[in-house]
Every structure is written in structure tokens, then in C-alpha cells.
N, C-alpha and C. Protein backbone atom coordinates (compact mmCIF):
# COMPACT_ATOMS: atom_id res chain seq x y z
N MET A 1 -2.11 23.20 37.64
CA MET A 1 -2.97 21.90 38.50
C MET A 1 -4.32 22.68 38.26
N THR A 2 -5.61 22.02 37.87
CA THR A 2 -6.71 22.62 37.92
C THR A 2 -7.74 22.03 39.33
N THR A 3 -7.76 23.29 39.69
CA THR A 3 -8.85 23.11 41.17
C THR A 3 -9.90 22.52 41.16
N SER A 4 -10.58 22.07 41.78
CA SER A 4 -12.22 21.28 41.30
C SER A 4 -12.87 22.24 41.54
N GLY A 5 -13.09 24.06 41.51
CA GLY A 5 -14.02 24.77 41.13
C GLY A 5 -14.33 25.00 39.80
N THR A 6 -12.55 25.65 39.33
CA THR A 6 -11.88 25.66 38.12
C THR A 6 -12.79 24.71 37.23
N GLN A 7 -12.15 23.22 37.33
CA GLN A 7 -12.69 22.35 36.71
C GLN A 7 -13.62 22.11 36.47
N GLU A 8 -15.05 22.22 37.55
CA GLU A 8 -16.58 22.15 37.47
C GLU A 8 -16.82 22.89 36.41
N ALA A 9 -16.12 24.47 35.82
CA ALA A 9 -16.27 25.60 35.13
C ALA A 9 -16.80 25.17 34.30
N LEU A 10 -14.61 24.80 33.88
CA LEU A 10 -14.59 24.35 32.40
C LEU A 10 -15.98 23.41 31.98
N VAL A 11 -16.33 22.29 32.33
CA VAL A 11 -16.65 21.56 31.94
C VAL A 11 -18.15 21.53 31.79
N ASP A 12 -18.82 22.30 32.91
CA ASP A 12 -20.06 22.66 32.71
C ASP A 12 -20.15 23.65 30.92
N ARG A 13 -19.23 24.12 31.26
CA ARG A 13 -19.04 25.54 29.85
C ARG A 13 -18.84 24.34 28.28
N LEU A 14 -17.98 23.97 28.18
CA LEU A 14 -17.75 22.66 27.04
C LEU A 14 -18.54 21.86 27.16
N ALA A 15 -19.44 21.56 28.48
CA ALA A 15 -20.35 20.53 27.96
C ALA A 15 -21.51 21.52 27.03
N SER A 16 -21.62 22.17 27.28
CA SER A 16 -22.31 22.48 26.13
C SER A 16 -22.13 22.30 24.40
N TYR A 17 -20.98 21.69 24.51
CA TYR A 17 -20.83 21.02 22.90
C TYR A 17 -21.11 19.47 22.46
N GLU A 18 -21.62 19.46 21.81
CA GLU A 18 -21.97 17.45 21.67
C GLU A 18 -20.50 17.26 21.94
N THR A 19 -19.53 17.48 20.01
CA THR A 19 -18.09 16.60 20.36
C THR A 19 -17.13 17.71 20.63
N LEU A 20 -16.07 17.18 21.66
CA LEU A 20 -14.88 18.53 21.46
C LEU A 20 -13.82 17.59 21.12
N VAL A 21 -12.65 18.47 20.46
CA VAL A 21 -11.60 17.91 20.43
C VAL A 21 -11.10 18.45 21.97
N GLU A 22 -9.98 18.01 22.75
CA GLU A 22 -9.02 18.28 23.02
C GLU A 22 -7.57 18.49 23.03
N VAL A 23 -6.98 19.59 22.62
CA VAL A 23 -5.12 19.51 21.77
C VAL A 23 -4.18 19.61 23.09
N GLY A 24 -3.57 19.23 23.29
CA GLY A 24 -2.15 18.44 23.89
C GLY A 24 -2.28 18.87 25.23
N ILE A 25 -3.28 17.37 25.14
CA ILE A 25 -3.87 16.34 26.19
C ILE A 25 -2.67 16.41 27.80
N GLY A 26 -1.43 16.03 27.17
CA GLY A 26 -0.83 15.84 27.57
C GLY A 26 -0.83 14.37 29.20
N ALA A 27 -0.37 15.04 30.14
CA ALA A 27 -0.77 14.11 31.73
C ALA A 27 -2.17 14.41 32.13
N ARG A 28 -2.17 15.89 31.78
CA ARG A 28 -3.63 16.31 32.93
C ARG A 28 -5.11 15.63 31.91
N THR A 29 -5.88 14.79 32.19
CA THR A 29 -7.00 14.36 31.96
C THR A 29 -8.13 14.40 32.26
N ASP A 30 -7.98 15.33 33.26
CA ASP A 30 -9.10 15.10 34.79
C ASP A 30 -10.73 16.22 34.12
N VAL A 31 -10.30 17.45 33.18
CA VAL A 31 -11.44 17.90 32.51
C VAL A 31 -12.27 16.86 31.35
N ALA A 32 -11.08 16.45 30.34
CA ALA A 32 -11.42 15.72 29.28
C ALA A 32 -12.21 14.63 30.05
N ALA A 33 -11.79 13.66 31.53
CA ALA A 33 -12.89 12.71 31.78
C ALA A 33 -13.88 13.41 33.01
N SER A 34 -14.41 14.20 33.24
CA SER A 34 -15.39 14.53 33.59
C SER A 34 -16.44 15.19 32.36
N LEU A 35 -15.74 15.50 31.60
CA LEU A 35 -16.63 15.88 30.22
C LEU A 35 -17.24 14.77 29.48
N ALA A 36 -16.42 13.79 29.78
CA ALA A 36 -16.92 12.16 28.59
C ALA A 36 -18.41 11.88 28.93
N ASP A 37 -18.74 12.33 30.34
CA ASP A 37 -19.59 11.46 31.09
C ASP A 37 -20.96 12.61 30.28
N ARG A 38 -20.52 13.63 29.74
CA ARG A 38 -21.64 14.43 28.78
C ARG A 38 -21.59 15.06 27.63
N ALA A 39 -20.41 14.85 26.98
CA ALA A 39 -20.12 14.90 25.56
C ALA A 39 -18.89 13.72 25.13
N ARG A 40 -19.68 13.70 23.82
CA ARG A 40 -18.03 12.71 23.33
C ARG A 40 -16.17 14.06 23.55
N VAL A 41 -15.00 13.22 23.37
CA VAL A 41 -14.17 13.59 23.69
C VAL A 41 -12.98 12.90 22.55
N ILE A 42 -12.56 13.65 22.30
CA ILE A 42 -11.09 13.16 21.94
C ILE A 42 -10.19 14.24 21.76
N ALA A 43 -9.26 13.35 22.78
CA ALA A 43 -7.84 13.89 22.73
C ALA A 43 -7.01 14.09 21.82
N VAL A 44 -6.04 15.07 21.85
CA VAL A 44 -4.73 14.51 20.88
C VAL A 44 -4.18 15.19 21.87
N ASP A 45 -2.87 15.02 21.34
CA ASP A 45 -0.62 15.45 21.56
C ASP A 45 -0.20 15.09 20.57
N VAL A 46 0.98 15.27 20.53
CA VAL A 46 1.94 15.14 20.02
C VAL A 46 3.08 13.98 20.43
N ARG A 47 2.63 13.37 21.56
CA ARG A 47 2.89 12.18 22.50
C ARG A 47 1.98 11.35 22.64
N GLU A 48 2.28 9.48 22.58
CA GLU A 48 0.82 9.28 22.93
C GLU A 48 1.16 9.22 24.35
N CYS A 49 -0.13 9.19 24.69
CA CYS A 49 -0.97 9.52 26.21
C CYS A 49 -1.62 9.03 26.74
N SER A 50 -1.89 8.06 28.08
CA SER A 50 -2.92 7.59 28.50
C SER A 50 -4.16 8.39 28.83
N VAL A 51 -4.82 8.24 28.44
CA VAL A 51 -5.94 8.89 28.73
C VAL A 51 -7.42 8.20 29.31
N PRO A 52 -8.49 8.43 30.15
CA PRO A 52 -9.25 7.76 30.70
C PRO A 52 -10.20 6.77 29.35
N PRO A 53 -10.71 5.74 29.98
CA PRO A 53 -11.37 5.25 28.58
C PRO A 53 -12.95 5.74 27.80
N ASP A 54 -12.84 6.56 28.69
CA ASP A 54 -14.43 7.43 27.75
C ASP A 54 -13.91 8.35 26.73
N VAL A 55 -12.70 8.16 26.68
CA VAL A 55 -12.37 9.63 26.04
C VAL A 55 -10.91 8.51 24.62
N ALA A 56 -11.89 9.51 23.75
CA ALA A 56 -10.57 9.31 22.22
C ALA A 56 -9.50 9.85 22.73
N PHE A 57 -7.89 8.74 22.21
CA PHE A 57 -6.80 9.45 21.56
C PHE A 57 -6.31 8.67 20.55
N VAL A 58 -5.65 10.49 19.99
CA VAL A 58 -4.83 10.22 18.54
C VAL A 58 -4.08 10.90 18.93
N ARG A 59 -2.27 10.25 18.17
CA ARG A 59 -1.60 11.47 18.22
C ARG A 59 -1.51 11.61 16.62
N ASP A 60 -1.66 13.57 17.46
CA ASP A 60 -1.47 14.09 15.95
C ASP A 60 -0.61 15.29 16.30
N ASP A 61 -0.24 16.52 15.66
CA ASP A 61 0.53 17.45 15.65
C ASP A 61 -0.05 18.66 14.77
N ILE A 62 -0.50 19.85 16.01
CA ILE A 62 -1.34 21.10 15.71
C ILE A 62 -0.86 22.32 14.94
N THR A 63 0.10 21.30 14.67
CA THR A 63 1.62 22.66 13.33
C THR A 63 1.42 22.08 12.40
N ALA A 64 0.89 20.74 12.12
CA ALA A 64 0.71 19.55 11.21
C ALA A 64 -0.10 18.83 10.83
N PRO A 65 -1.49 19.70 11.06
CA PRO A 65 -2.56 18.45 11.35
C PRO A 65 -2.77 17.43 10.39
N ARG A 66 -3.87 16.77 10.75
CA ARG A 66 -4.42 16.12 9.87
C ARG A 66 -5.46 16.05 10.38
N SER A 67 -6.45 16.92 9.01
CA SER A 67 -8.04 17.86 9.84
C SER A 67 -9.32 16.28 9.82
N ASP A 68 -8.38 15.73 9.45
CA ASP A 68 -9.31 14.37 9.75
C ASP A 68 -9.50 13.82 11.51
N VAL A 69 -8.57 14.09 12.09
CA VAL A 69 -8.89 14.43 13.08
C VAL A 69 -9.94 14.96 13.94
N TYR A 70 -9.95 16.16 13.75
CA TYR A 70 -10.64 17.12 14.10
C TYR A 70 -11.61 17.26 13.52
N ALA A 71 -12.15 17.28 12.25
CA ALA A 71 -13.48 17.18 11.61
C ALA A 71 -14.75 17.17 12.22
N GLU A 72 -14.85 16.30 13.48
CA GLU A 72 -16.26 15.82 13.94
C GLU A 72 -16.07 17.04 15.22
N GLY A 73 -15.32 17.68 15.47
CA GLY A 73 -15.36 18.13 16.16
C GLY A 73 -16.63 19.97 16.57
N ASP A 74 -17.19 19.65 17.40
CA ASP A 74 -17.63 21.22 17.16
C ASP A 74 -17.05 22.39 18.35
N ALA A 75 -16.25 21.79 18.97
CA ALA A 75 -15.41 23.07 19.50
C ALA A 75 -13.82 22.45 19.57
N ILE A 76 -12.95 22.72 19.03
CA ILE A 76 -11.78 22.78 19.35
C ILE A 76 -10.73 23.49 20.26
N TYR A 77 -10.22 22.46 21.54
CA TYR A 77 -9.85 23.40 22.41
C TYR A 77 -8.01 22.80 22.97
N ALA A 78 -8.04 23.86 24.04
CA ALA A 78 -6.70 23.40 24.58
C ALA A 78 -6.61 24.23 25.95
N LEU A 79 -6.16 23.30 27.16
CA LEU A 79 -6.03 24.66 28.08
C LEU A 79 -4.47 24.66 28.31
N ASN A 80 -4.00 25.76 29.47
CA ASN A 80 -2.46 26.26 29.27
C ASN A 80 -2.42 26.81 27.91
N CYS A 81 -3.12 27.02 26.48
CA CYS A 81 -2.30 26.65 25.63
C CYS A 81 -1.54 28.34 25.54
N PRO A 82 0.08 27.49 24.87
CA PRO A 82 1.30 28.65 24.72
C PRO A 82 0.54 29.56 23.40
N PRO A 83 0.84 30.48 23.01
CA PRO A 83 0.84 31.42 22.90
C PRO A 83 1.25 30.95 21.42
N GLU A 84 2.54 30.25 21.16
CA GLU A 84 2.80 29.65 19.81
C GLU A 84 1.56 29.05 19.38
N LEU A 85 0.75 28.30 19.61
CA LEU A 85 0.21 27.60 19.50
C LEU A 85 -1.40 27.88 18.98
N GLN A 86 -1.79 28.45 19.55
CA GLN A 86 -3.08 29.56 19.86
C GLN A 86 -3.53 30.05 17.87
N ARG A 87 -2.72 30.32 17.24
CA ARG A 87 -3.09 30.23 15.78
C ARG A 87 -3.23 28.89 15.45
N PRO A 88 -2.34 28.17 15.51
CA PRO A 88 -2.79 26.68 15.08
C PRO A 88 -4.24 26.03 15.41
N LEU A 89 -3.99 26.92 16.14
CA LEU A 89 -5.28 25.65 16.95
C LEU A 89 -6.48 26.83 16.26
N TRP A 90 -6.18 27.97 16.04
CA TRP A 90 -7.23 28.35 15.46
C TRP A 90 -7.52 27.88 13.76
N SER A 91 -6.19 28.04 13.25
CA SER A 91 -6.45 27.45 11.75
C SER A 91 -7.29 26.36 12.05
N VAL A 92 -6.91 25.42 12.73
CA VAL A 92 -8.23 24.04 12.29
C VAL A 92 -9.30 24.37 12.96
N ALA A 93 -9.20 24.33 13.95
CA ALA A 93 -11.30 25.20 14.34
C ALA A 93 -11.69 25.84 13.27
N ARG A 94 -11.27 26.51 12.80
CA ARG A 94 -11.83 27.38 11.68
C ARG A 94 -11.71 26.58 10.35
N ASP A 95 -11.00 25.88 9.48
CA ASP A 95 -11.47 24.71 8.92
C ASP A 95 -11.73 23.53 8.87
N VAL A 96 -12.91 23.40 10.05
CA VAL A 96 -13.03 22.29 10.49
C VAL A 96 -14.55 23.28 10.92
N ASP A 97 -15.03 24.13 11.02
CA ASP A 97 -15.99 24.93 11.03
C ASP A 97 -16.36 24.55 12.37
N ALA A 98 -15.45 24.87 12.87
CA ALA A 98 -15.56 24.60 15.06
C ALA A 98 -15.68 25.97 15.99
N ASP A 99 -15.87 25.91 16.62
CA ASP A 99 -15.29 26.62 18.13
C ASP A 99 -13.92 26.65 18.30
N CYS A 100 -13.62 27.61 18.82
CA CYS A 100 -11.73 27.50 18.87
C CYS A 100 -12.01 28.06 20.57
N LEU A 101 -11.92 26.73 21.45
CA LEU A 101 -11.68 27.65 22.50
C LEU A 101 -9.96 27.29 23.50
N PHE A 102 -9.50 28.28 24.63
CA PHE A 102 -8.80 28.00 24.98
C PHE A 102 -7.94 28.41 26.56
N THR A 103 -7.60 27.86 27.28
CA THR A 103 -7.44 29.09 28.79
C THR A 103 -5.87 29.20 28.07
N THR A 104 -5.26 30.46 28.83
CA THR A 104 -3.79 31.05 28.86
C THR A 104 -3.28 30.53 30.20
N LEU A 105 -1.69 29.73 30.57
CA LEU A 105 -0.85 29.69 31.35
C LEU A 105 -0.57 30.81 31.96
N GLY A 106 -0.86 31.66 33.01
CA GLY A 106 -0.18 31.98 33.87
C GLY A 106 -0.62 33.15 32.70
N GLY A 107 0.58 34.34 32.73
CA GLY A 107 0.27 36.14 32.60
C GLY A 107 0.30 35.61 30.88
N ASP A 108 0.38 34.82 29.89
CA ASP A 108 0.70 34.09 28.42
C ASP A 108 -1.20 35.04 28.03
N PRO A 109 -0.58 36.11 27.15
CA PRO A 109 -1.28 36.96 26.61
C PRO A 109 -1.94 35.42 25.18
N ALA A 110 -3.49 35.75 25.02
CA ALA A 110 -4.17 35.85 24.12
C ALA A 110 -4.03 36.72 22.80
N LEU A 111 -3.36 36.20 22.02
CA LEU A 111 -2.51 36.37 20.82
C LEU A 111 -4.12 36.65 19.43
N LEU A 112 -4.58 36.39 19.55
CA LEU A 112 -6.16 36.16 18.80
C LEU A 112 -7.33 37.10 19.15
N HIS A 113 -7.93 36.94 18.42
CA HIS A 113 -9.09 38.44 18.34
C HIS A 113 -10.11 37.50 19.44
N ALA A 114 -10.24 37.66 20.23
CA ALA A 114 -10.63 35.86 21.34
C ALA A 114 -11.90 37.03 22.76
N GLU A 115 -12.47 36.38 22.57
CA GLU A 115 -14.02 36.77 24.25
C GLU A 115 -13.35 36.12 24.98
N PRO A 116 -13.16 36.71 25.76
CA PRO A 116 -12.55 36.47 27.13
C PRO A 116 -14.05 35.81 27.97
N GLU A 117 -14.04 35.17 29.00
CA GLU A 117 -15.26 34.70 29.69
C GLU A 117 -15.23 34.66 30.79
N THR A 118 -14.56 34.53 32.25
CA THR A 118 -14.39 34.91 33.27
C THR A 118 -15.34 33.49 33.73
N LEU A 119 -14.19 32.37 35.03
CA LEU A 119 -15.40 31.36 35.64
C LEU A 119 -14.00 31.64 36.14
N PRO A 120 -14.86 31.05 37.26
CA PRO A 120 -13.59 30.68 38.55
C PRO A 120 -12.81 29.99 38.37
N GLY A 121 -12.27 30.75 38.73
CA GLY A 121 -10.53 30.41 38.95
C GLY A 121 -9.42 30.84 37.71
N GLU A 122 -10.08 30.85 36.05
CA GLU A 122 -9.39 30.78 35.17
C GLU A 122 -10.71 31.55 34.02
N THR A 123 -9.54 31.93 33.04
CA THR A 123 -10.43 32.84 31.51
C THR A 123 -10.06 31.96 30.45
N LEU A 124 -11.75 31.99 29.86
CA LEU A 124 -11.72 30.98 28.91
C LEU A 124 -12.49 31.39 27.61
N PHE A 125 -10.99 31.90 26.25
CA PHE A 125 -10.95 32.49 25.55
C PHE A 125 -11.45 31.73 24.27
N ARG A 126 -13.08 33.07 24.05
CA ARG A 126 -13.31 31.72 22.79
C ARG A 126 -13.56 32.81 21.34
N VAL A 127 -12.38 32.01 20.53
CA VAL A 127 -12.94 32.47 18.60
C VAL A 127 -14.05 31.67 17.82
N ARG A 128 -15.02 33.01 18.08
CA ARG A 128 -16.34 32.18 17.45
C ARG A 128 -16.14 31.68 15.89
N ARG A 129 -16.78 30.48 15.24
CA ARG A 129 -16.66 30.68 14.30
C ARG A 129 -17.43 31.37 12.83
N LYS A 130 -17.72 31.48 12.36
CA LYS A 130 -17.45 32.53 10.94
C LYS A 130 -18.32 31.51 10.29
N ARG A 131 -20.07 31.21 10.42
CA ARG A 131 -20.46 29.95 8.69
C ARG A 131 -19.86 30.88 8.11
N GLY A 132 -19.64 29.79 6.41
CA GLY A 132 -19.10 30.87 5.68
C GLY A 132 -18.71 32.06 5.18
N GLY A 133 -17.66 31.74 6.24
CA GLY A 133 -16.37 32.84 5.92
C GLY A 133 -16.05 32.56 6.22
N ARG A 134 -14.58 33.37 6.73
CA ARG A 134 -12.97 33.42 7.80
C ARG A 134 -13.28 34.12 8.04
N SER A 135 -12.68 33.72 9.10
CA SER A 135 -12.19 35.19 10.37
C SER A 135 -10.77 35.34 10.48
């Protein structure tokens, strides 16, 4: 569960993007709800989820994605992203020319070459997009 200080730090950091796509939202809607006051948020999950009114929801699977779901995102992000979903997350972000950001759960490693950013109570990993080329 995200603490208030951690949530505020994540929201402040992610709010620098105009349109964000949160992958694997599940029942944890607190960050997306807070972000929706400052940016456009599209939530994605493999199962139907209840999201706040200002957050759009699309059912999709990041391992077999429909690219149109992610195309408008300036950033694609996942909270508590398991190692097996980090590469699919990056692949989608790269394909739509968006930044890829994620946090991990507990002791899970970041498997991608990513820049760690220490936030209060959390580490946010960012894989930068490279315009005009593949990373």
C-alpha cells in the first residue's frame, strides 16, 4: 500500500507528463486518482477494474498489447511492476515513443537499464525514450 508521502512524491514526479498510461492498475487507484487532477490518465488492466471518474479505463494485456491503447501516452508507468512485465512495459513505451517508468515490489530488481530516482519511501525507475532510435 502506498503511504501518503510516497503517493504525493510519485504524483508530483509523474504530473510533469501531459498524458499518462498506468499499466496494471488493479484496485490501487490512489495515484491515478491524484494524478487525474493534474494530467490525463488512462488506466489499463487485464481485468475489468473500477477507476475514479476522471480516469479512463481500457482492458488490455501488456504482454499482447493493442498499440492504440498506449499511443497517446507521454509516459507509460506501472507501480509494483513485477520483473516479468518490465520488458513488455518498455517495449510498449518504446513503440509509442513514450517514457517508461516503474516501481518494483519489495526486493524485486529492475531488469532494464533504468535510471533510479529515489523518492520518499520509493524508488522510481525511468527508462528514457530515444527519439529516432531504439533503446
